[in-house]
Each structure stands twice: as structure tokens, then as C-alpha cells.
Amino acid sequence: MLDRPRPDWKSAAVTSAPPAAPSVPPVDDALKRERFGWYSYDWAMSVFNTSVTTVFLGPYLTAIARDAAGPDERLSFLGLSIAAGSWFSYVLSASVVLQVLVLPLTGAVADRTGRKREMLLGFALLGALATTALFFAGDGRWLMAALLFVLANISFGAATVVYYSWLPDLAGPDDRDKVSSRGWAFGYVGGALLLAVHLGLVVAAEDLGLTTGEAVRICLATAGLWWGAFTLFSYSRLRNRPVAASALRSGSSFRQLATTFREMRAFPLTLWFLGAYLLFNDGVQTVISLSATYATEELDLAQDVLTGAILMVQVVAIFGALGLGRMAGRYGAKRVVLGALVAWIGVLFAAFFLQTGAVAQFYALAAVIGLVQGGTQALSRSLFSQLIPAGKEAEYYGFYEISDRGTSWLGPLAFGLTYQLTGSYRLAIISLVIFFVGGFIALAALPMRRAVLAAGNTPPERL
């Protein structure tokens, strides 16, 4: 028999407080261990961005395409006449168009099954294998190299979707900027170490009896081996979480994805952030992925100069990511990202006026890029984590990753079209200003605190 309430008993007042954020366990040894495993995957995968996408593959694939092209330096592909100098940017864009189909579904499967560890391992090893196979893409095999890169880039994006979705599990609202920035810093350390080895190999290629092309192929293959080997360590440290009830109720992964598409209309401010991020990150990723092409084709800089500059960017970016992460703790991540976008606009104008063969000017510009590159991306990642409804992390990061880390397509497409129409890489690089300006305006107008509350999350102290 139920007890009767006491005469002086009163019910608790009903409040309209926003739902609490998903609980994150205290930072004990187990969580520290898992965070280290999470950081280590950035160490593993970052070599794909540095050695493959940013430094070696663009100039190498362009050179292969030009060797295979006719006297007019044009390729025939699917009945189209394509400028050899635009081939890599078009291949990069094509890989992202395919990711539009793959990545959201990847997120839906990850959220529904909860098997994130297994999915991370599978996609990362597939991408690492395709990257390693680029070693065999020489002697005019421009189509083979393109297909392998598309497979590697899609796998890279799918693995990154799963990787990003761990962030809300590993850090509360006030710690995510710090944790995200540390992960990015780990990535820059790993990328810098392997890139230093690659730089030494390229510089010493003649003494080792290798051509520059052979040395580059070895660099591509070892980047794939590095990515795959260190992924195994991350896999051993990370752990799966219970599946959210909302994912289990939604039926199949395809039905869950369709449900998420419909539900996203209820979070217009989250979509607003995605739109802003799509704009400015397209610019960031295009600068990163096509800077090697710009430096070799327009500025007439040697491969060892370019690789040395990228190595310097990796080292400077370690401190840039950590420094901007600390600034976010004081001023808020949104303000720091907006300041970084202003710096990116300055970088593009400086690049337009760089003198041909001016090594010192190129290094100075690379140092500025290093200071803002990591912070822009790390803080954008943690900002977006505040805007995701609980239980939908991987799906939402699927949409996020479509325009993240070398997978952007509007920027490379604009760059390639501008070059094809004008024949000028300088005009092609300055055409990217529109992405940074548009992204700045959109992000500045976004009410972040209201957006976090609308997603059902608790805002951090500073945004």
C-alpha cells in the first residue's frame, strides 16, 4: 500500500530549463587513456593531408597528366577536353561529390549500430591501402592515380566522420575546445615528423640513386603505411558507447538518415552554422590542397622548397592550434574563428602579390598560415559539437565532413575553372576570397548561444 503524503508536503516546482547535456564521466585514468587514443588517430591520419593531399600528390598527378597529354597539354576524359593543369582540382572535386552520397549514410550506420571502433578501423585501413597503392601509379598512369586517390579520400572522409563523433563522449561543453585543439596539435606533430623524413628523402633522392618521381612514390606509399599502422593503436584505446534510443527506434540506417533529414529542419541555426562552415572551410581546404600546385606552377618553386615550407607550417601549427585553443577559453571560440578568417583573407591577397621565385616571402606567408590553420579547424569542430542533438553525432558530422579537410569541392572547382578560363594561377588563388568573406558574414550573424539551446544542449561559459 502506498504511503499517504504528509499534510505539509508540496511538489517541486516545474521549471522550463533546457535539457541537460549528455553526461561525460570525470577525467579519470580510463577517460585519459581513451582521449589519448582519440588524439593518436589525428596523428595517424594527418599524414594523408600533409604528405599526400597538400604536398606530393597535386604536383605529381599534374606532372603525370602533362606527360600523358598531347601537345596542347589537354587530356581526353569521357569525351571532354581537360587542361592537364586542372586535372588534380577536378579529381578532388569528384571525390567530394561522391562523398555527399557516402558520408551521411556512414554517420547513420555508426549511430544506429554503435560499432564506431570497427567502422573507424575498416575505413582507415581501406584508405591506407589505396594510398599505399599510389606507389604503382607512375609512368603516365594518370587515371589509375586519380581512381586510387578518390577511393582513399572517400575512405578518409568516412573514417573522419566516425572519429569526430567521439568528441561529445570525451569532453563536456566547456572542455571541447581544449580537447579538440589538442587532437589537432597531435596531428600536426605526426604530420611534421613523417614529412621531415619525406623531405630528407626527396632532397637526397639523387644520392640514393632515385629519381624525384620515384622518391615521391615512396613518400605516398609510406604515408599510407603510417596511417594504417597507427590506426591500430587508436583502435585499441577507443571504445564503443551504447546506442541512443532514438537511433534504435528509427528502423534501418536508410530510414534513420531520412528521419534525420526531416528533423534537421527543426534546427535551422545548426544548418546556418553548416552553411557558414561550408563557405569558409571550402576556402581553407582549397588553399591547403592546391598550395603545392600554386607554388610549383606559378611561383616556380622547387619541390624541396615547397616541402620545407609545408614542414614549417606543421611545426608552427602545433603552437597555433594550442594557442588559439587557449584564446577560445578566454574570448570564446566564435570570436577566435572570426579573427582567423580575417587573417586568411590577408593570406590570399599576400599570395596574389608574391614574387616568382621569392623563397623568403613564401616561407613568411607559410608561417602565417600555420598560425591560423589548426585553430580554425579545431575550434570549428568543437563549435559544431555544441549544435548536434544528442544521439545524432555521427550523422551530423557526416554532413560536416563533406566540406572538411581536403574534401571541399566548390573551392577546387572555382580554382580550376578560373585557371582554365584565364590561364592564371594568381587569379585562381584570389578567386577564393569570396569563400572567406561569405563565411565570415554568415558566422558573425549566427546567434551561437541560442543555437546551442535550440539543439537541446547546455552552452559552455564562453562561446
Protein backbone atom coordinates (compact mmCIF):
# COMPACT_ATOMS: atom_id res chain seq x y z
CA MET A 1 0.00 0.00 0.00
CA LEU A 2 1.33 3.42 -0.98
CA ASP A 3 2.17 5.87 1.75
CA ARG A 4 -0.09 8.86 2.01
CA PRO A 5 1.58 12.24 1.51
CA ARG A 6 2.25 14.29 4.59
CA PRO A 7 -0.06 17.30 5.11
CA ASP A 8 2.83 19.74 4.77
CA TRP A 9 4.19 18.10 1.61
CA LYS A 10 4.50 20.22 -1.56
CA SER A 11 5.52 19.12 -5.02
CA ALA A 12 8.66 20.53 -6.59
CA ALA A 13 8.22 23.47 -8.85
CA VAL A 14 8.15 22.73 -12.57
CA THR A 15 10.84 24.58 -14.48
CA SER A 16 11.43 25.17 -18.16
CA ALA A 17 15.17 24.74 -18.04
CA PRO A 18 16.76 23.37 -21.20
CA PRO A 19 17.62 19.67 -21.26
CA ALA A 20 20.94 18.84 -19.72
CA ALA A 21 23.82 17.96 -22.00
CA PRO A 22 24.80 14.31 -22.24
CA SER A 23 26.79 13.43 -19.16
CA VAL A 24 30.54 12.99 -19.57
CA PRO A 25 32.41 11.00 -16.94
CA PRO A 26 35.08 12.67 -14.78
CA VAL A 27 38.55 12.85 -16.27
CA ASP A 28 39.82 9.64 -14.66
CA ASP A 29 42.56 7.35 -15.93
CA ALA A 30 40.19 5.44 -18.22
CA LEU A 31 38.97 8.63 -19.90
CA LYS A 32 42.52 9.97 -20.21
CA ARG A 33 43.52 6.71 -21.88
CA GLU A 34 40.66 6.96 -24.35
CA ARG A 35 41.36 10.61 -25.06
CA PHE A 36 44.96 9.70 -25.86
CA GLY A 37 43.70 7.05 -28.25
CA TRP A 38 41.46 9.67 -29.86
CA TYR A 39 44.36 12.12 -30.20
CA SER A 40 46.52 9.37 -31.71
CA TYR A 41 44.15 8.89 -34.64
CA ASP A 42 44.75 12.50 -35.64
CA TRP A 43 48.45 11.61 -35.51
CA ALA A 44 47.72 8.63 -37.80
CA MET A 45 45.53 10.30 -40.42
CA SER A 46 47.15 13.73 -40.69
CA VAL A 47 49.93 12.40 -42.91
CA PHE A 48 47.31 11.88 -45.62
CA ASN A 49 46.57 15.60 -45.56
CA THR A 50 50.18 16.74 -45.35
CA SER A 51 52.30 14.38 -47.42
CA VAL A 52 49.61 13.20 -49.85
CA THR A 53 46.95 15.87 -50.47
CA THR A 54 48.92 19.01 -49.64
CA VAL A 55 52.49 18.33 -50.76
CA PHE A 56 53.11 15.48 -53.18
CA LEU A 57 50.02 14.26 -54.98
CA GLY A 58 48.91 17.56 -56.57
CA PRO A 59 52.19 18.34 -58.38
CA TYR A 60 52.84 14.66 -59.07
CA LEU A 61 49.43 13.96 -60.56
CA THR A 62 49.68 17.18 -62.59
CA ALA A 63 53.09 16.09 -63.92
CA ILE A 64 51.75 12.63 -64.82
CA ALA A 65 48.79 14.21 -66.59
CA ARG A 66 51.02 16.56 -68.58
CA ASP A 67 53.26 13.70 -69.65
CA ALA A 68 50.21 11.84 -70.93
CA ALA A 69 48.61 14.91 -72.56
CA GLY A 70 49.01 15.93 -76.16
CA PRO A 71 50.99 18.91 -77.45
CA ASP A 72 48.17 21.22 -76.35
CA GLU A 73 48.56 19.95 -72.74
CA ARG A 74 44.99 18.66 -72.63
CA LEU A 75 43.58 15.29 -71.61
CA SER A 76 40.68 13.44 -73.18
CA PHE A 77 38.40 12.03 -70.47
CA LEU A 78 34.84 10.80 -71.06
CA GLY A 79 34.71 12.82 -74.26
CA LEU A 80 35.81 16.03 -72.51
CA SER A 81 38.93 18.06 -73.21
CA ILE A 82 40.53 18.89 -69.86
CA ALA A 83 43.56 21.09 -69.18
CA ALA A 84 46.25 18.96 -67.56
CA GLY A 85 46.89 21.75 -65.05
CA SER A 86 43.29 21.46 -63.81
CA TRP A 87 43.19 17.65 -63.55
CA PHE A 88 44.01 17.37 -59.84
CA SER A 89 41.48 20.01 -58.78
CA TYR A 90 38.76 18.24 -60.80
CA VAL A 91 39.69 14.86 -59.28
CA LEU A 92 39.49 16.40 -55.80
CA SER A 93 36.07 17.84 -56.59
CA ALA A 94 34.82 14.50 -57.97
CA SER A 95 35.83 12.70 -54.76
CA VAL A 96 33.73 15.12 -52.73
CA VAL A 97 30.66 14.75 -54.95
CA LEU A 98 30.81 11.02 -54.20
CA GLN A 99 31.24 11.75 -50.50
CA VAL A 100 27.96 13.63 -50.50
CA LEU A 101 26.34 10.23 -51.02
CA VAL A 102 28.59 8.19 -48.72
CA LEU A 103 29.31 10.25 -45.61
CA PRO A 104 25.79 10.93 -44.26
CA LEU A 105 24.94 7.24 -44.61
CA THR A 106 28.20 6.38 -42.85
CA GLY A 107 27.10 8.53 -39.93
CA ALA A 108 23.65 6.92 -39.83
CA VAL A 109 25.16 3.43 -39.70
CA ALA A 110 27.59 4.47 -36.95
CA ASP A 111 24.84 5.99 -34.79
CA ARG A 112 22.47 3.09 -35.30
CA THR A 113 24.90 0.21 -34.79
CA GLY A 114 27.21 1.81 -32.24
CA ARG A 115 30.14 -0.06 -33.84
CA LYS A 116 32.32 3.01 -34.26
CA ARG A 117 35.60 1.26 -33.45
CA GLU A 118 35.09 -1.33 -36.16
CA MET A 119 33.97 1.24 -38.73
CA LEU A 120 36.92 3.52 -37.98
CA LEU A 121 39.32 0.62 -38.44
CA GLY A 122 37.72 -0.61 -41.67
CA PHE A 123 37.58 2.75 -43.45
CA ALA A 124 41.04 3.80 -42.28
CA LEU A 125 42.69 0.57 -43.45
CA LEU A 126 40.92 0.78 -46.83
CA GLY A 127 42.12 4.34 -47.31
CA ALA A 128 45.62 3.45 -46.17
CA LEU A 129 45.76 0.56 -48.66
CA ALA A 130 44.65 2.79 -51.56
CA THR A 131 47.22 5.42 -50.55
CA THR A 132 49.99 2.84 -50.39
CA ALA A 133 48.99 1.59 -53.86
CA LEU A 134 49.74 5.06 -55.29
CA PHE A 135 53.33 3.81 -55.39
CA PHE A 136 52.38 1.93 -58.56
CA ALA A 137 50.75 4.95 -60.25
CA GLY A 138 53.71 6.07 -62.31
CA ASP A 139 54.68 6.07 -65.98
CA GLY A 140 51.70 8.07 -67.21
CA ARG A 141 49.05 6.19 -65.19
CA TRP A 142 47.15 9.39 -64.51
CA LEU A 143 43.74 7.67 -64.47
CA MET A 144 44.89 4.94 -62.07
CA ALA A 145 46.32 7.57 -59.71
CA ALA A 146 43.06 9.53 -59.84
CA LEU A 147 40.91 6.48 -59.04
CA LEU A 148 43.13 5.45 -56.11
CA PHE A 149 43.05 8.96 -54.69
CA VAL A 150 39.25 9.12 -54.98
CA LEU A 151 38.96 5.82 -53.06
CA ALA A 152 41.47 6.97 -50.44
CA ASN A 153 39.79 10.35 -49.99
CA ILE A 154 36.31 8.84 -49.61
CA SER A 155 37.65 6.37 -47.04
CA PHE A 156 39.47 9.19 -45.26
CA GLY A 157 36.27 11.20 -45.03
CA ALA A 158 34.20 8.25 -43.79
CA ALA A 159 36.74 7.40 -41.09
CA THR A 160 36.89 11.04 -40.03
CA VAL A 161 33.10 11.18 -39.61
CA VAL A 162 33.29 8.33 -37.12
CA TYR A 163 36.36 9.82 -35.42
CA TYR A 164 34.78 13.25 -34.91
CA SER A 165 31.62 11.75 -33.41
CA TRP A 166 33.59 10.66 -30.31
CA LEU A 167 34.22 14.29 -29.21
CA PRO A 168 30.95 14.78 -27.25
CA ASP A 169 31.62 11.47 -25.45
CA LEU A 170 35.12 12.54 -24.39
CA ALA A 171 34.56 16.13 -23.22
CA GLY A 172 31.84 18.30 -21.70
CA PRO A 173 30.77 21.64 -23.24
CA ASP A 174 33.50 23.70 -21.53
CA ASP A 175 36.32 21.25 -22.38
CA ARG A 176 35.67 20.56 -26.05
CA ASP A 177 37.70 23.46 -27.45
CA LYS A 178 40.71 22.28 -25.43
CA VAL A 179 40.31 18.59 -26.32
CA SER A 180 39.69 19.33 -30.00
CA SER A 181 42.74 21.63 -30.17
CA ARG A 182 44.96 19.01 -28.53
CA GLY A 183 43.84 16.44 -31.08
CA TRP A 184 44.73 18.77 -33.92
CA ALA A 185 48.10 19.51 -32.34
CA PHE A 186 48.83 15.76 -32.14
CA GLY A 187 48.02 15.55 -35.83
CA TYR A 188 50.46 18.29 -36.72
CA VAL A 189 53.24 16.61 -34.72
CA GLY A 190 52.70 13.33 -36.58
CA GLY A 191 52.44 15.03 -39.94
CA ALA A 192 55.59 17.06 -39.31
CA LEU A 193 57.66 14.04 -38.28
CA LEU A 194 56.85 11.97 -41.36
CA LEU A 195 57.08 14.99 -43.64
CA ALA A 196 60.59 15.67 -42.31
CA VAL A 197 61.56 12.14 -43.35
CA HIS A 198 59.97 12.71 -46.76
CA LEU A 199 61.82 15.98 -47.18
CA GLY A 200 65.10 14.25 -46.49
CA LEU A 201 64.25 11.52 -48.99
CA VAL A 202 63.38 13.98 -51.77
CA VAL A 203 66.49 16.08 -51.15
CA ALA A 204 68.74 13.01 -51.09
CA ALA A 205 66.97 11.20 -53.96
CA GLU A 206 69.83 11.61 -56.45
CA ASP A 207 72.44 10.40 -53.96
CA LEU A 208 70.27 7.35 -53.26
CA GLY A 209 70.00 6.54 -56.97
CA LEU A 210 66.34 7.59 -57.18
CA THR A 211 64.56 9.97 -59.49
CA THR A 212 62.35 12.64 -57.94
CA GLY A 213 59.28 10.77 -59.19
CA GLU A 214 60.41 7.55 -57.53
CA ALA A 215 61.08 9.38 -54.27
CA VAL A 216 57.61 10.92 -54.37
CA ARG A 217 56.03 7.50 -54.95
CA ILE A 218 57.86 6.17 -51.88
CA CYS A 219 56.58 9.12 -49.87
CA LEU A 220 53.00 8.40 -50.91
CA ALA A 221 53.32 4.71 -50.03
CA THR A 222 54.88 5.32 -46.61
CA ALA A 223 52.13 7.82 -45.78
CA GLY A 224 49.60 5.04 -46.35
CA LEU A 225 51.58 2.61 -44.20
CA TRP A 226 51.85 5.18 -41.38
CA TRP A 227 48.11 5.86 -41.49
CA GLY A 228 47.23 2.17 -41.29
CA ALA A 229 49.76 1.21 -38.61
CA PHE A 230 48.87 3.93 -36.10
CA THR A 231 45.16 3.39 -36.65
CA LEU A 232 45.63 0.01 -34.98
CA PHE A 233 46.85 1.76 -31.81
CA SER A 234 43.85 4.10 -31.79
CA TYR A 235 41.53 1.13 -32.25
CA SER A 236 42.99 -0.49 -29.13
CA ARG A 237 42.26 2.59 -26.96
CA LEU A 238 38.83 3.75 -28.11
CA ARG A 239 35.59 2.08 -27.01
CA ASN A 240 32.04 1.92 -28.29
CA ARG A 241 29.11 3.56 -26.48
CA PRO A 242 25.52 2.31 -26.03
CA VAL A 243 23.26 3.19 -28.94
CA ALA A 244 20.84 6.06 -28.31
CA ALA A 245 17.19 5.06 -28.03
CA SER A 246 16.25 7.48 -30.83
CA ALA A 247 18.53 5.59 -33.25
CA LEU A 248 17.06 2.20 -32.31
CA ARG A 249 13.50 3.41 -32.86
CA SER A 250 14.17 4.73 -36.36
CA GLY A 251 14.33 1.37 -38.18
CA SER A 252 17.03 0.82 -40.81
CA SER A 253 20.01 3.12 -41.31
CA PHE A 254 18.45 4.46 -44.53
CA ARG A 255 15.23 5.24 -42.68
CA GLN A 256 17.20 6.84 -39.86
CA LEU A 257 19.02 9.05 -42.37
CA ALA A 258 15.71 10.06 -43.95
CA THR A 259 14.34 10.87 -40.48
CA THR A 260 17.40 12.99 -39.71
CA PHE A 261 16.95 14.90 -42.98
CA ARG A 262 13.40 15.77 -41.94
CA GLU A 263 14.36 16.60 -38.38
CA MET A 264 17.18 18.91 -39.41
CA ARG A 265 14.60 21.47 -40.48
CA ALA A 266 13.75 21.82 -36.79
CA PHE A 267 17.31 23.05 -36.14
CA PRO A 268 17.74 25.96 -38.58
CA LEU A 269 20.56 27.52 -36.56
CA THR A 270 22.58 24.30 -36.78
CA LEU A 271 22.06 24.37 -40.55
CA TRP A 272 23.07 28.01 -40.52
CA PHE A 273 26.42 27.08 -38.96
CA LEU A 274 26.89 24.30 -41.52
CA GLY A 275 26.31 26.81 -44.30
CA ALA A 276 28.86 29.23 -42.87
CA TYR A 277 31.35 26.44 -42.34
CA LEU A 278 30.83 25.13 -45.87
CA LEU A 279 31.81 28.53 -47.23
CA PHE A 280 34.92 29.36 -45.23
CA ASN A 281 36.19 25.80 -44.95
CA ASP A 282 35.96 25.40 -48.72
CA GLY A 283 38.44 28.24 -48.88
CA VAL A 284 40.70 26.79 -46.17
CA GLN A 285 40.80 23.34 -47.74
CA THR A 286 41.43 24.67 -51.24
CA VAL A 287 44.38 26.73 -50.04
CA ILE A 288 45.77 23.67 -48.24
CA SER A 289 45.25 21.18 -51.07
CA LEU A 290 46.24 23.39 -54.01
CA SER A 291 49.04 25.46 -52.44
CA ALA A 292 51.60 22.99 -53.78
CA THR A 293 50.26 23.38 -57.32
CA TYR A 294 50.27 27.19 -56.98
CA ALA A 295 53.82 27.23 -55.64
CA THR A 296 55.29 24.99 -58.33
CA GLU A 297 53.30 26.18 -61.34
CA GLU A 298 53.02 29.94 -60.67
CA LEU A 299 55.83 30.78 -58.25
CA ASP A 300 58.32 28.38 -59.88
CA LEU A 301 59.47 27.00 -56.52
CA ALA A 302 61.33 23.69 -56.29
CA GLN A 303 59.83 20.66 -54.58
CA ASP A 304 62.31 20.79 -51.70
CA VAL A 305 61.43 24.44 -51.01
CA LEU A 306 57.74 23.59 -51.02
CA THR A 307 58.17 20.58 -48.75
CA GLY A 308 60.30 22.63 -46.35
CA ALA A 309 57.59 25.30 -46.18
CA ILE A 310 54.89 22.74 -45.50
CA LEU A 311 57.07 21.20 -42.79
CA MET A 312 57.41 24.61 -41.20
CA VAL A 313 53.63 25.04 -41.36
CA GLN A 314 53.19 21.77 -39.47
CA VAL A 315 55.54 22.88 -36.68
CA VAL A 316 54.07 26.38 -36.37
CA ALA A 317 50.54 24.96 -36.50
CA ILE A 318 51.19 22.88 -33.37
CA PHE A 319 51.58 26.06 -31.38
CA GLY A 320 48.87 27.82 -33.39
CA ALA A 321 46.27 25.15 -32.57
CA LEU A 322 47.13 25.12 -28.87
CA GLY A 323 47.38 28.91 -28.71
CA LEU A 324 44.05 29.57 -30.41
CA GLY A 325 42.51 26.87 -28.21
CA ARG A 326 43.62 28.83 -25.14
CA MET A 327 42.34 32.07 -26.65
CA ALA A 328 38.96 30.39 -27.16
CA GLY A 329 38.85 29.65 -23.44
CA ARG A 330 39.26 33.35 -22.75
CA TYR A 331 37.37 35.06 -25.59
CA GLY A 332 35.10 32.34 -26.97
CA ALA A 333 35.62 30.04 -29.95
CA LYS A 334 33.38 32.01 -32.31
CA ARG A 335 35.35 35.26 -31.86
CA VAL A 336 38.65 33.47 -32.36
CA VAL A 337 37.45 31.78 -35.56
CA LEU A 338 36.22 35.12 -36.94
CA GLY A 339 39.62 36.66 -36.28
CA ALA A 340 41.30 33.74 -38.03
CA LEU A 341 39.10 34.25 -41.11
CA VAL A 342 40.31 37.84 -41.38
CA ALA A 343 43.87 36.51 -41.35
CA TRP A 344 43.00 34.02 -44.13
CA ILE A 345 41.74 36.84 -46.34
CA GLY A 346 45.04 38.63 -45.80
CA VAL A 347 46.90 35.45 -46.75
CA LEU A 348 45.16 35.26 -50.14
CA PHE A 349 45.95 38.85 -51.04
CA ALA A 350 49.56 38.34 -49.99
CA ALA A 351 49.74 35.16 -52.12
CA PHE A 352 48.44 37.08 -55.15
CA PHE A 353 51.35 39.54 -54.92
CA LEU A 354 54.11 37.03 -54.12
CA GLN A 355 57.04 37.38 -56.48
CA THR A 356 58.06 34.42 -58.62
CA GLY A 357 60.90 32.50 -57.02
CA ALA A 358 60.74 34.51 -53.77
CA VAL A 359 61.51 31.78 -51.23
CA ALA A 360 61.67 34.06 -48.17
CA GLN A 361 58.29 35.64 -48.96
CA PHE A 362 56.75 32.20 -49.41
CA TYR A 363 58.10 30.99 -46.06
CA ALA A 364 56.79 34.10 -44.28
CA LEU A 365 53.33 33.52 -45.72
CA ALA A 366 53.50 29.84 -44.77
CA ALA A 367 54.22 30.82 -41.15
CA VAL A 368 51.04 32.91 -41.02
CA ILE A 369 49.05 30.03 -42.48
CA GLY A 370 50.45 27.73 -39.80
CA LEU A 371 49.32 30.05 -37.01
CA VAL A 372 45.68 30.14 -38.11
CA GLN A 373 45.17 26.82 -39.90
CA GLY A 374 44.87 24.41 -36.98
CA GLY A 375 42.90 26.75 -34.75
CA THR A 376 40.34 27.47 -37.46
CA GLN A 377 39.61 23.79 -37.95
CA ALA A 378 39.88 22.58 -34.34
CA LEU A 379 37.57 25.29 -33.00
CA SER A 380 35.07 24.83 -35.83
CA ARG A 381 34.90 21.14 -34.94
CA SER A 382 34.24 21.84 -31.25
CA LEU A 383 31.75 24.63 -32.03
CA PHE A 384 29.71 22.28 -34.19
CA SER A 385 29.67 19.62 -31.47
CA GLN A 386 27.63 22.03 -29.34
CA LEU A 387 24.92 22.22 -32.03
CA ILE A 388 24.23 18.49 -32.53
CA PRO A 389 21.16 16.84 -30.95
CA ALA A 390 22.16 14.01 -28.61
CA GLY A 391 22.45 10.61 -30.30
CA LYS A 392 22.97 12.07 -33.80
CA GLU A 393 26.68 12.89 -33.55
CA ALA A 394 28.00 10.71 -36.38
CA GLU A 395 25.17 11.61 -38.77
CA TYR A 396 25.64 15.33 -38.27
CA TYR A 397 29.40 15.03 -38.56
CA GLY A 398 28.74 13.23 -41.84
CA PHE A 399 27.29 16.46 -43.23
CA TYR A 400 30.08 18.41 -41.57
CA GLU A 401 32.84 16.28 -43.08
CA ILE A 402 31.53 16.77 -46.61
CA SER A 403 33.30 20.13 -46.61
CA ASP A 404 36.12 19.29 -44.19
CA ARG A 405 39.89 18.55 -44.56
CA GLY A 406 40.67 18.48 -48.26
CA THR A 407 37.23 17.20 -49.27
CA SER A 408 35.77 20.55 -50.35
CA TRP A 409 34.59 20.79 -53.93
CA LEU A 410 33.37 24.34 -54.56
CA GLY A 411 36.78 25.84 -53.90
CA PRO A 412 38.80 23.46 -56.11
CA LEU A 413 36.12 23.77 -58.80
CA ALA A 414 36.33 27.59 -58.69
CA PHE A 415 40.12 27.41 -58.74
CA GLY A 416 40.17 25.00 -61.68
CA LEU A 417 37.58 26.91 -63.71
CA THR A 418 39.31 30.24 -63.12
CA TYR A 419 42.60 28.80 -64.31
CA GLN A 420 41.02 27.16 -67.34
CA LEU A 421 39.28 30.40 -68.35
CA THR A 422 42.17 32.80 -67.64
CA GLY A 423 45.32 30.69 -67.67
CA SER A 424 46.41 32.50 -64.48
CA TYR A 425 47.04 30.76 -61.18
CA ARG A 426 47.16 34.18 -59.47
CA LEU A 427 43.59 34.95 -60.47
CA ALA A 428 42.65 31.42 -59.47
CA ILE A 429 44.02 31.87 -55.93
CA ILE A 430 42.41 35.30 -55.42
CA SER A 431 39.04 33.92 -56.52
CA LEU A 432 38.90 32.08 -53.17
CA VAL A 433 38.42 35.34 -51.22
CA ILE A 434 34.67 35.09 -51.75
CA PHE A 435 34.51 31.92 -49.64
CA PHE A 436 36.19 33.53 -46.63
CA VAL A 437 34.17 36.75 -46.86
CA GLY A 438 30.88 34.88 -47.20
CA GLY A 439 31.75 32.52 -44.35
CA PHE A 440 32.76 35.40 -42.08
CA ILE A 441 29.49 37.24 -42.66
CA ALA A 442 27.38 34.13 -42.09
CA LEU A 443 29.21 33.08 -38.90
CA ALA A 444 29.24 36.59 -37.46
CA ALA A 445 25.45 36.81 -37.81
CA LEU A 446 24.79 33.42 -36.13
CA PRO A 447 23.45 33.62 -32.53
CA MET A 448 25.55 30.79 -31.13
CA ARG A 449 24.13 30.60 -27.60
CA ARG A 450 20.58 30.44 -28.91
CA ALA A 451 21.67 27.77 -31.41
CA VAL A 452 23.14 25.58 -28.66
CA LEU A 453 19.96 25.83 -26.58
CA ALA A 454 17.80 25.08 -29.62
CA ALA A 455 19.71 21.81 -30.14
CA GLY A 456 18.85 20.80 -26.57
CA ASN A 457 22.39 21.26 -25.22
CA THR A 458 23.92 23.29 -22.41
CA PRO A 459 26.07 26.18 -23.69
CA PRO A 460 29.66 26.49 -22.49
CA GLU A 461 30.54 29.50 -20.40
CA ARG A 462 32.16 31.29 -23.34
CA LEU A 463 31.15 30.96 -26.99
